PDB file of N, CA and C in Angstrom:
ATOM      1  N   MET A   1      -7.877  -2.572 -86.977  1.00  0.00           N
ATOM      2  CA  MET A   1      -8.121  -1.352 -86.396  1.00  0.00           C
ATOM      3  C   MET A   1      -9.268  -0.351 -87.754  1.00  0.00           C
ATOM      4  N   SER A   2      -7.460  -0.160 -88.801  1.00  0.00           N
ATOM      5  CA  SER A   2      -8.053   0.612 -90.067  1.00  0.00           C
ATOM      6  C   SER A   2      -9.024   0.175 -90.707  1.00  0.00           C
ATOM      7  N   SER A   3      -9.147  -0.972 -91.128  1.00  0.00           N
ATOM      8  CA  SER A   3      -9.816  -1.789 -91.877  1.00  0.00           C
ATOM      9  C   SER A   3     -11.361  -2.046 -91.237  1.00  0.00           C
ATOM     10  N   SER A   4     -11.728  -1.810 -90.305  1.00  0.00           N
ATOM     11  CA  SER A   4     -12.911  -1.703 -89.375  1.00  0.00           C
ATOM     12  C   SER A   4     -13.495  -0.161 -89.701  1.00  0.00           C
ATOM     13  N   VAL A   5     -12.597   0.578 -89.398  1.00  0.00           N
ATOM     14  CA  VAL A   5     -13.185   2.259 -89.449  1.00  0.00           C
ATOM     15  C   VAL A   5     -13.220   2.378 -91.072  1.00  0.00           C
ATOM     16  N   SER A   6     -12.237   1.849 -92.387  1.00  0.00           N
ATOM     17  CA  SER A   6     -12.855   2.103 -93.555  1.00  0.00           C
ATOM     18  C   SER A   6     -13.762   1.441 -94.052  1.00  0.00           C
ATOM     19  N   LYS A   7     -14.585   0.619 -93.463  1.00  0.00           N
ATOM     20  CA  LYS A   7     -15.958  -0.379 -93.375  1.00  0.00           C
ATOM     21  C   LYS A   7     -17.012   0.509 -92.794  1.00  0.00           C
ATOM     22  N   ARG A   8     -16.665   1.121 -92.032  1.00  0.00           N
ATOM     23  CA  ARG A   8     -17.855   1.985 -91.081  1.00  0.00           C
ATOM     24  C   ARG A   8     -18.028   3.317 -91.711  1.00  0.00           C
ATOM     25  N   ILE A   9     -17.119   4.324 -92.287  1.00  0.00           N
ATOM     26  CA  ILE A   9     -16.924   5.332 -92.661  1.00  0.00           C
ATOM     27  C   ILE A   9     -16.414   5.531 -93.924  1.00  0.00           C
ATOM     28  N   ILE A  10     -17.094   5.537 -94.970  1.00  0.00           N
ATOM     29  CA  ILE A  10     -16.378   6.039 -96.454  1.00  0.00           C
ATOM     30  C   ILE A  10     -16.540   7.782 -96.757  1.00  0.00           C
ATOM     31  N   PRO A  11     -15.199   8.159 -96.952  1.00  0.00           N
ATOM     32  CA  PRO A  11     -15.645   9.509 -97.321  1.00  0.00           C
ATOM     33  C   PRO A  11     -15.919   9.958 -98.451  1.00  0.00           C
ATOM     34  N   LEU A  12     -16.615  11.187 -98.758  1.00  0.00           N
ATOM     35  CA  LEU A  12     -17.349  11.637 -99.807  1.00  0.00           C
ATOM     36  C   LEU A  12     -16.482  12.290-101.201  1.00  0.00           C
ATOM     37  N   LEU A  13     -16.983  12.205-102.616  1.00  0.00           N
ATOM     38  CA  LEU A  13     -16.180  12.766-102.998  1.00  0.00           C
ATOM     39  C   LEU A  13     -14.494  12.527-103.262  1.00  0.00           C
ATOM     40  N   ASP A  14     -13.600  13.470-102.841  1.00  0.00           N
ATOM     41  CA  ASP A  14     -12.236  13.338-103.086  1.00  0.00           C
ATOM     42  C   ASP A  14     -11.713  13.640-101.426  1.00  0.00           C
ATOM     43  N   ARG A  15     -12.409  13.254-100.410  1.00  0.00           N
ATOM     44  CA  ARG A  15     -12.111  13.529 -99.130  1.00  0.00           C
ATOM     45  C   ARG A  15     -11.305  12.251 -98.936  1.00  0.00           C
ATOM     46  N   VAL A  16     -10.070  12.220 -98.027  1.00  0.00           N
ATOM     47  CA  VAL A  16      -9.172  11.330 -97.050  1.00  0.00           C
ATOM     48  C   VAL A  16      -9.693  11.426 -96.085  1.00  0.00           C
ATOM     49  N   LEU A  17      -9.391  10.184 -94.986  1.00  0.00           N
ATOM     50  CA  LEU A  17      -9.635   9.837 -93.649  1.00  0.00           C
ATOM     51  C   LEU A  17      -7.891   9.392 -93.327  1.00  0.00           C
ATOM     52  N   VAL A  18      -7.452  10.186 -92.763  1.00  0.00           N
ATOM     53  CA  VAL A  18      -6.047   9.554 -91.752  1.00  0.00           C
ATOM     54  C   VAL A  18      -6.127   9.837 -90.529  1.00  0.00           C
ATOM     55  N   GLN A  19      -5.070   8.959 -90.342  1.00  0.00           N
ATOM     56  CA  GLN A  19      -4.932   8.779 -88.420  1.00  0.00           C
ATOM     57  C   GLN A  19      -3.599   9.304 -88.322  1.00  0.00           C
ATOM     58  N   ARG A  20      -3.434  10.191 -87.779  1.00  0.00           N
ATOM     59  CA  ARG A  20      -2.038  10.881 -87.397  1.00  0.00           C
ATOM     60  C   ARG A  20      -0.964   9.944 -86.814  1.00  0.00           C
ATOM     61  N   VAL A  21       0.025   9.769 -87.180  1.00  0.00           N
ATOM     62  CA  VAL A  21       1.132   8.869 -86.558  1.00  0.00           C
ATOM     63  C   VAL A  21       1.581   9.595 -85.124  1.00  0.00           C
ATOM     64  N   LYS A  22       1.626   8.822 -83.823  1.00  0.00           N
ATOM     65  CA  LYS A  22       1.609   9.542 -82.851  1.00  0.00           C
ATOM     66  C   LYS A  22       3.125   9.758 -82.665  1.00  0.00           C
ATOM     67  N   ALA A  23       3.504  10.560 -81.502  1.00  0.00           N
ATOM     68  CA  ALA A  23       4.390  11.257 -81.697  1.00  0.00           C
ATOM     69  C   ALA A  23       5.328  10.221 -80.841  1.00  0.00           C
ATOM     70  N   ALA A  24       6.525  10.122 -80.802  1.00  0.00           N
ATOM     71  CA  ALA A  24       7.557   9.520 -79.988  1.00  0.00           C
ATOM     72  C   ALA A  24       7.109   9.817 -78.265  1.00  0.00           C
ATOM     73  N   GLU A  25       7.175   9.229 -77.630  1.00  0.00           N
ATOM     74  CA  GLU A  25       7.121   8.905 -76.358  1.00  0.00           C
ATOM     75  C   GLU A  25       8.584   8.817 -75.566  1.00  0.00           C
ATOM     76  N   ARG A  26       9.053   8.407 -75.943  1.00  0.00           N
ATOM     77  CA  ARG A  26      10.743   8.190 -75.491  1.00  0.00           C
ATOM     78  C   ARG A  26      11.734   8.693 -76.673  1.00  0.00           C
ATOM     79  N   THR A  27      12.592   9.004 -76.046  1.00  0.00           N
ATOM     80  CA  THR A  27      13.988   9.442 -76.763  1.00  0.00           C
ATOM     81  C   THR A  27      14.700   7.689 -77.227  1.00  0.00           C
ATOM     82  N   LYS A  28      15.906   7.677 -78.322  1.00  0.00           N
ATOM     83  CA  LYS A  28      16.149   6.535 -78.621  1.00  0.00           C
ATOM     84  C   LYS A  28      17.110   5.729 -77.606  1.00  0.00           C
ATOM     85  N   SER A  29      17.278   6.944 -76.274  1.00  0.00           N
ATOM     86  CA  SER A  29      18.215   6.345 -75.160  1.00  0.00           C
ATOM     87  C   SER A  29      17.389   5.927 -74.355  1.00  0.00           C
ATOM     88  N   GLY A  30      16.078   5.796 -74.275  1.00  0.00           N
ATOM     89  CA  GLY A  30      15.168   5.493 -73.187  1.00  0.00           C
ATOM     90  C   GLY A  30      14.098   6.301 -72.319  1.00  0.00           C
ATOM     91  N   LEU A  31      14.783   7.737 -72.638  1.00  0.00           N
ATOM     92  CA  LEU A  31      14.241   8.859 -71.699  1.00  0.00           C
ATOM     93  C   LEU A  31      12.716   9.546 -72.069  1.00  0.00           C
ATOM     94  N   PHE A  32      12.177   9.604 -71.181  1.00  0.00           N
ATOM     95  CA  PHE A  32      10.577   9.489 -71.060  1.00  0.00           C
ATOM     96  C   PHE A  32      10.513  11.057 -71.654  1.00  0.00           C
ATOM     97  N   ILE A  33       9.712  11.607 -72.954  1.00  0.00           N
ATOM     98  CA  ILE A  33       9.536  12.948 -73.110  1.00  0.00           C
ATOM     99  C   ILE A  33       7.848  13.069 -72.853  1.00  0.00           C
ATOM    100  N   PRO A  34       7.785  14.343 -71.834  1.00  0.00           N
ATOM    101  CA  PRO A  34       6.808  14.903 -71.549  1.00  0.00           C
ATOM    102  C   PRO A  34       5.685  15.248 -72.434  1.00  0.00           C
ATOM    103  N   GLU A  35       4.509  14.879 -72.458  1.00  0.00           N
ATOM    104  CA  GLU A  35       3.981  15.648 -73.438  1.00  0.00           C
ATOM    105  C   GLU A  35       3.550  16.979 -73.869  1.00  0.00           C
ATOM    106  N   LYS A  36       4.064  17.634 -73.073  1.00  0.00           N
ATOM    107  CA  LYS A  36       4.096  19.270 -73.478  1.00  0.00           C
ATOM    108  C   LYS A  36       5.297  19.459 -74.561  1.00  0.00           C
ATOM    109  N   ALA A  37       6.152  18.209 -74.260  1.00  0.00           N
ATOM    110  CA  ALA A  37       7.207  18.628 -75.144  1.00  0.00           C
ATOM    111  C   ALA A  37       7.525  17.604 -76.352  1.00  0.00           C
ATOM    112  N   GLN A  38       6.520  17.117 -76.573  1.00  0.00           N
ATOM    113  CA  GLN A  38       6.681  15.984 -77.771  1.00  0.00           C
ATOM    114  C   GLN A  38       5.810  17.104 -79.098  1.00  0.00           C
ATOM    115  N   GLU A  39       6.647  16.570 -80.111  1.00  0.00           N
ATOM    116  CA  GLU A  39       6.249  17.351 -81.447  1.00  0.00           C
ATOM    117  C   GLU A  39       4.967  16.851 -82.196  1.00  0.00           C
ATOM    118  N   ASN A  40       4.398  17.934 -82.352  1.00  0.00           N
ATOM    119  CA  ASN A  40       3.228  17.182 -83.308  1.00  0.00           C
ATOM    120  C   ASN A  40       3.599  16.732 -84.185  1.00  0.00           C
ATOM    121  N   GLN A  41       3.087  15.360 -84.667  1.00  0.00           N
ATOM    122  CA  GLN A  41       3.120  15.047 -86.193  1.00  0.00           C
ATOM    123  C   GLN A  41       2.776  15.544 -87.171  1.00  0.00           C
ATOM    124  N   ASN A  42       2.965  16.004 -88.156  1.00  0.00           N
ATOM    125  CA  ASN A  42       2.271  15.927 -89.261  1.00  0.00           C
ATOM    126  C   ASN A  42       2.382  14.884 -90.430  1.00  0.00           C
ATOM    127  N   GLU A  43       2.514  14.033 -89.955  1.00  0.00           N
ATOM    128  CA  GLU A  43       2.523  12.800 -90.660  1.00  0.00           C
ATOM    129  C   GLU A  43       1.242  11.668 -90.212  1.00  0.00           C
ATOM    130  N   GLY A  44       0.676  10.544 -91.310  1.00  0.00           N
ATOM    131  CA  GLY A  44      -0.347   9.957 -91.266  1.00  0.00           C
ATOM    132  C   GLY A  44      -0.217   9.226 -92.213  1.00  0.00           C
ATOM    133  N   ILE A  45      -1.168   8.369 -91.588  1.00  0.00           N
ATOM    134  CA  ILE A  45      -1.499   7.250 -92.573  1.00  0.00           C
ATOM    135  C   ILE A  45      -3.079   7.171 -92.886  1.00  0.00           C
ATOM    136  N   VAL A  46      -3.022   6.715 -94.247  1.00  0.00           N
ATOM    137  CA  VAL A  46      -4.574   6.628 -95.053  1.00  0.00           C
ATOM    138  C   VAL A  46      -5.147   5.574 -94.363  1.00  0.00           C
ATOM    139  N   VAL A  47      -6.465   6.113 -93.892  1.00  0.00           N
ATOM    140  CA  VAL A  47      -7.185   5.052 -93.681  1.00  0.00           C
ATOM    141  C   VAL A  47      -8.701   4.470 -94.527  1.00  0.00           C
ATOM    142  N   ALA A  48      -9.076   5.329 -95.260  1.00  0.00           N
ATOM    143  CA  ALA A  48     -10.261   5.234 -95.979  1.00  0.00           C
ATOM    144  C   ALA A  48     -10.056   6.605 -97.223  1.00  0.00           C
ATOM    145  N   VAL A  49     -10.493   6.430 -98.540  1.00  0.00           N
ATOM    146  CA  VAL A  49     -10.669   7.048 -99.639  1.00  0.00           C
ATOM    147  C   VAL A  49     -11.717   7.452-100.018  1.00  0.00           C
ATOM    148  N   GLY A  50     -11.913   8.179-100.506  1.00  0.00           N
ATOM    149  CA  GLY A  50     -13.427   9.016-101.403  1.00  0.00           C
ATOM    150  C   GLY A  50     -13.388   8.424-102.647  1.00  0.00           C
ATOM    151  N   PRO A  51     -14.329   8.480-103.756  1.00  0.00           N
ATOM    152  CA  PRO A  51     -14.054   7.965-105.080  1.00  0.00           C
ATOM    153  C   PRO A  51     -13.451   8.744-105.936  1.00  0.00           C
ATOM    154  N   GLY A  52     -13.376   9.968-105.398  1.00  0.00           N
ATOM    155  CA  GLY A  52     -12.895  10.884-106.339  1.00  0.00           C
ATOM    156  C   GLY A  52     -13.707  12.271-106.611  1.00  0.00           C
ATOM    157  N   ALA A  53     -13.853  13.346-107.104  1.00  0.00           N
ATOM    158  CA  ALA A  53     -14.440  14.500-107.257  1.00  0.00           C
ATOM    159  C   ALA A  53     -14.775  14.383-109.288  1.00  0.00           C
ATOM    160  N   ARG A  54     -15.840  15.109-109.106  1.00  0.00           N
ATOM    161  CA  ARG A  54     -16.034  15.145-110.928  1.00  0.00           C
ATOM    162  C   ARG A  54     -14.867  16.152-111.336  1.00  0.00           C
ATOM    163  N   GLY A  55     -14.335  15.975-112.497  1.00  0.00           N
ATOM    164  CA  GLY A  55     -13.911  17.624-112.863  1.00  0.00           C
ATOM    165  C   GLY A  55     -14.892  18.515-113.938  1.00  0.00           C
ATOM    166  N   LYS A  56     -14.123  19.405-114.505  1.00  0.00           N
ATOM    167  CA  LYS A  56     -14.979  20.042-115.248  1.00  0.00           C
ATOM    168  C   LYS A  56     -15.708  19.712-116.816  1.00  0.00           C
ATOM    169  N   ASP A  57     -15.032  18.055-116.956  1.00  0.00           N
ATOM    170  CA  ASP A  57     -15.120  17.700-117.763  1.00  0.00           C
ATOM    171  C   ASP A  57     -16.317  16.804-117.693  1.00  0.00           C
ATOM    172  N   GLY A  58     -16.605  16.641-116.314  1.00  0.00           N
ATOM    173  CA  GLY A  58     -17.525  15.096-116.012  1.00  0.00           C
ATOM    174  C   GLY A  58     -17.216  14.123-115.187  1.00  0.00           C
ATOM    175  N   GLN A  59     -15.674  14.272-115.646  1.00  0.00           N
ATOM    176  CA  GLN A  59     -15.289  12.704-115.539  1.00  0.00           C
ATOM    177  C   GLN A  59     -14.428  12.545-113.722  1.00  0.00           C
ATOM    178  N   VAL A  60     -14.497  11.774-113.507  1.00  0.00           N
ATOM    179  CA  VAL A  60     -14.385  11.433-111.953  1.00  0.00           C
ATOM    180  C   VAL A  60     -12.622  11.409-111.925  1.00  0.00           C
ATOM    181  N   GLN A  61     -11.987  12.630-111.328  1.00  0.00           N
ATOM    182  CA  GLN A  61     -10.653  12.345-111.205  1.00  0.00           C
ATOM    183  C   GLN A  61     -10.351  11.705-109.735  1.00  0.00           C
ATOM    184  N   PRO A  62      -9.573  10.305-110.128  1.00  0.00           N
ATOM    185  CA  PRO A  62      -9.582   9.694-108.619  1.00  0.00           C
ATOM    186  C   PRO A  62      -8.751  10.314-107.736  1.00  0.00           C
ATOM    187  N   VAL A  63      -8.627  10.107-106.447  1.00  0.00           N
ATOM    188  CA  VAL A  63      -7.650  10.493-105.367  1.00  0.00           C
ATOM    189  C   VAL A  63      -6.464   9.728-105.485  1.00  0.00           C
ATOM    190  N   SER A  64      -5.341  10.660-105.229  1.00  0.00           N
ATOM    191  CA  SER A  64      -3.473  10.423-105.654  1.00  0.00           C
ATOM    192  C   SER A  64      -3.186   9.642-104.407  1.00  0.00           C
ATOM    193  N   VAL A  65      -3.812   9.013-103.358  1.00  0.00           N
ATOM    194  CA  VAL A  65      -3.746   8.247-102.403  1.00  0.00           C
ATOM    195  C   VAL A  65      -4.298   7.377-102.089  1.00  0.00           C
ATOM    196  N   LYS A  66      -4.125   5.834-101.837  1.00  0.00           N
ATOM    197  CA  LYS A  66      -4.544   4.752-101.394  1.00  0.00           C
ATOM    198  C   LYS A  66      -4.620   4.466 -99.922  1.00  0.00           C
ATOM    199  N   GLU A  67      -5.328   3.734 -99.353  1.00  0.00           N
ATOM    200  CA  GLU A  67      -5.785   3.249 -98.009  1.00  0.00           C
ATOM    201  C   GLU A  67      -4.255   2.608 -98.017  1.00  0.00           C
ATOM    202  N   GLY A  68      -3.827   2.643 -96.432  1.00  0.00           N
ATOM    203  CA  GLY A  68      -2.287   2.222 -96.225  1.00  0.00           C
ATOM    204  C   GLY A  68      -1.150   3.008 -96.316  1.00  0.00           C
ATOM    205  N   GLU A  69      -1.140   4.021 -97.471  1.00  0.00           N
ATOM    206  CA  GLU A  69      -0.003   4.962 -97.311  1.00  0.00           C
ATOM    207  C   GLU A  69       0.226   5.739 -96.328  1.00  0.00           C
ATOM    208  N   ARG A  70       1.575   6.070 -96.241  1.00  0.00           N
ATOM    209  CA  ARG A  70       2.019   7.144 -95.047  1.00  0.00           C
ATOM    210  C   ARG A  70       2.133   8.646 -96.257  1.00  0.00           C
ATOM    211  N   VAL A  71       1.231   9.489 -95.312  1.00  0.00           N
ATOM    212  CA  VAL A  71       1.148  11.009 -96.101  1.00  0.00           C
ATOM    213  C   VAL A  71       1.717  12.132 -95.284  1.00  0.00           C
ATOM    214  N   LEU A  72       2.439  13.083 -95.863  1.00  0.00           N
ATOM    215  CA  LEU A  72       2.497  14.154 -95.174  1.00  0.00           C
ATOM    216  C   LEU A  72       1.336  15.279 -94.907  1.00  0.00           C
ATOM    217  N   LEU A  73       0.945  16.073 -93.555  1.00  0.00           N
ATOM    218  CA  LEU A  73      -0.242  16.571 -93.267  1.00  0.00           C
ATOM    219  C   LEU A  73       0.155  17.790 -93.232  1.00  0.00           C
ATOM    220  N   PRO A  74      -0.827  18.899 -93.892  1.00  0.00           N
ATOM    221  CA  PRO A  74      -0.418  20.144 -93.327  1.00  0.00           C
ATOM    222  C   PRO A  74      -0.378  20.240 -91.782  1.00  0.00           C
ATOM    223  N   GLN A  75      -0.198  21.764 -91.158  1.00  0.00           N
ATOM    224  CA  GLN A  75       0.182  21.837 -90.243  1.00  0.00           C
ATOM    225  C   GLN A  75      -1.618  22.132 -89.164  1.00  0.00           C
ATOM    226  N   TYR A  76      -2.193  23.033 -90.096  1.00  0.00           N
ATOM    227  CA  TYR A  76      -3.872  23.190 -89.813  1.00  0.00           C
ATOM    228  C   TYR A  76      -4.621  22.795 -90.646  1.00  0.00           C
ATOM    229  N   GLY A  77      -6.132  22.668 -90.252  1.00  0.00           N
ATOM    230  CA  GLY A  77      -7.040  22.183 -91.674  1.00  0.00           C
ATOM    231  C   GLY A  77      -7.230  20.758 -91.368  1.00  0.00           C
ATOM    232  N   GLY A  78      -8.372  20.599 -92.420  1.00  0.00           N
ATOM    233  CA  GLY A  78      -9.088  19.286 -91.997  1.00  0.00           C
ATOM    234  C   GLY A  78     -10.194  19.230 -90.706  1.00  0.00           C
ATOM    235  N   SER A  79     -10.822  18.058 -90.921  1.00  0.00           N
ATOM    236  CA  SER A  79     -11.671  17.883 -89.748  1.00  0.00           C
ATOM    237  C   SER A  79     -11.562  16.920 -88.940  1.00  0.00           C
ATOM    238  N   THR A  80     -11.729  17.259 -87.592  1.00  0.00           N
ATOM    239  CA  THR A  80     -11.492  16.288 -86.614  1.00  0.00           C
ATOM    240  C   THR A  80     -12.553  15.289 -86.614  1.00  0.00           C
ATOM    241  N   VAL A  81     -12.174  13.997 -86.799  1.00  0.00           N
ATOM    242  CA  VAL A  81     -13.689  12.688 -86.539  1.00  0.00           C
ATOM    243  C   VAL A  81     -12.939  11.650 -85.685  1.00  0.00           C
ATOM    244  N   LYS A  82     -13.901  11.754 -84.665  1.00  0.00           N
ATOM    245  CA  LYS A  82     -13.620  10.787 -83.557  1.00  0.00           C
ATOM    246  C   LYS A  82     -14.689   9.436 -83.452  1.00  0.00           C
ATOM    247  N   LEU A  83     -13.993   8.489 -83.792  1.00  0.00           N
ATOM    248  CA  LEU A  83     -14.253   6.840 -83.740  1.00  0.00           C
ATOM    249  C   LEU A  83     -13.827   6.127 -83.076  1.00  0.00           C
ATOM    250  N   ASP A  84     -14.638   5.003 -82.445  1.00  0.00           N
ATOM    251  CA  ASP A  84     -13.992   4.153 -81.376  1.00  0.00           C
ATOM    252  C   ASP A  84     -13.110   4.535 -80.603  1.00  0.00           C
ATOM    253  N   GLY A  85     -12.621   5.629 -79.957  1.00  0.00           N
ATOM    254  CA  GLY A  85     -11.674   6.311 -79.220  1.00  0.00           C
ATOM    255  C   GLY A  85     -10.361   6.904 -79.841  1.00  0.00           C
ATOM    256  N   ASN A  86     -10.691   6.528 -81.063  1.00  0.00           N
ATOM    257  CA  ASN A  86      -9.397   7.579 -82.336  1.00  0.00           C
ATOM    258  C   ASN A  86      -9.613   8.325 -82.701  1.00  0.00           C
ATOM    259  N   GLU A  87      -8.767   9.162 -83.248  1.00  0.00           N
ATOM    260  CA  GLU A  87      -9.178  10.483 -83.370  1.00  0.00           C
ATOM    261  C   GLU A  87      -8.434  10.567 -85.058  1.00  0.00           C
ATOM    262  N   TYR A  88      -9.520  10.766 -85.963  1.00  0.00           N
ATOM    263  CA  TYR A  88      -8.686  10.903 -87.360  1.00  0.00           C
ATOM    264  C   TYR A  88      -8.786  12.325 -87.828  1.00  0.00           C
ATOM    265  N   LEU A  89      -8.232  12.503 -89.011  1.00  0.00           N
ATOM    266  CA  LEU A  89      -8.665  13.786 -90.102  1.00  0.00           C
ATOM    267  C   LEU A  89      -9.331  13.529 -91.060  1.00  0.00           C
ATOM    268  N   LEU A  90      -9.941  14.584 -91.643  1.00  0.00           N
ATOM    269  CA  LEU A  90     -10.898  14.224 -92.770  1.00  0.00           C
ATOM    270  C   LEU A  90     -10.614  15.504 -93.845  1.00  0.00           C
ATOM    271  N   LEU A  91      -9.633  14.965 -94.734  1.00  0.00           N
ATOM    272  CA  LEU A  91      -9.142  16.014 -95.633  1.00  0.00           C
ATOM    273  C   LEU A  91      -9.211  16.111 -96.810  1.00  0.00           C
ATOM    274  N   LYS A  92      -9.435  17.112 -97.220  1.00  0.00           N
ATOM    275  CA  LYS A  92      -9.632  17.097 -99.249  1.00  0.00           C
ATOM    276  C   LYS A  92      -7.936  16.429 -99.763  1.00  0.00           C
ATOM    277  N   ASP A  93      -8.206  15.805-100.599  1.00  0.00           N
ATOM    278  CA  ASP A  93      -6.998  15.244-101.704  1.00  0.00           C
ATOM    279  C   ASP A  93      -6.264  16.216-101.616  1.00  0.00           C
ATOM    280  N   GLU A  94      -6.697  17.313-102.014  1.00  0.00           N
ATOM    281  CA  GLU A  94      -5.575  18.739-102.387  1.00  0.00           C
ATOM    282  C   GLU A  94      -4.842  19.167-101.494  1.00  0.00           C
ATOM    283  N   GLU A  95      -5.437  18.940 -99.986  1.00  0.00           N
ATOM    284  CA  GLU A  95      -5.046  19.130 -98.479  1.00  0.00           C
ATOM    285  C   GLU A  95      -3.691  18.605 -98.464  1.00  0.00           C
ATOM    286  N   LEU A  96      -3.348  17.116 -98.864  1.00  0.00           N
ATOM    287  CA  LEU A  96      -1.879  16.711 -98.368  1.00  0.00           C
ATOM    288  C   LEU A  96      -1.056  16.758 -99.097  1.00  0.00           C
ATOM    289  N   LEU A  97       0.347  17.312 -98.616  1.00  0.00           N
ATOM    290  CA  LEU A  97       1.339  17.772 -98.709  1.00  0.00           C
ATOM    291  C   LEU A  97       2.162  17.068-100.072  1.00  0.00           C
ATOM    292  N   ALA A  98       2.096  15.681 -99.256  1.00  0.00           N
ATOM    293  CA  ALA A  98       3.196  14.516-100.009  1.00  0.00           C
ATOM    294  C   ALA A  98       2.930  13.167 -99.255  1.00  0.00           C
ATOM    295  N   LYS A  99       3.337  12.292 -99.947  1.00  0.00           N
ATOM    296  CA  LYS A  99       3.224  11.129 -99.645  1.00  0.00           C
ATOM    297  C   LYS A  99       4.677  10.097 -99.592  1.00  0.00           C
ATOM    298  N   PHE A 100       4.731   9.736 -98.727  1.00  0.00           N
ATOM    299  CA  PHE A 100       6.171   8.829 -98.715  1.00  0.00           C
ATOM    300  C   PHE A 100       5.835   7.585 -99.342  1.00  0.00           C
ATOM    301  N   LEU A 101       7.365   7.362-100.149  1.00  0.00           N
ATOM    302  CA  LEU A 101       7.237   6.314-100.682  1.00  0.00           C
ATOM    303  C   LEU A 101       8.014   5.303-100.074  1.00  0.00           C
TER     304      LEU A 101
END
């Protein structure tokens, strides 16, 4: 899934392509959660990263995340990209709020 996408699209500069983690469709006890009641997940998996942007000194500043890492996303922002029926977010590295260890 993500490896084929990362070969087909490469973000430019300090951009990061993220696939949002899907919201839980059931509770722990097995009850179905209606779509309208499911919370919007602000968590995602990094699918592809750009090489980094040039700083004022002309040196390339590397992106702070790597493919496969889980990150905390802002509630709003980023550009939606649809590939192979899946939806991704394209964000600048500085827009990411945190990464999970």
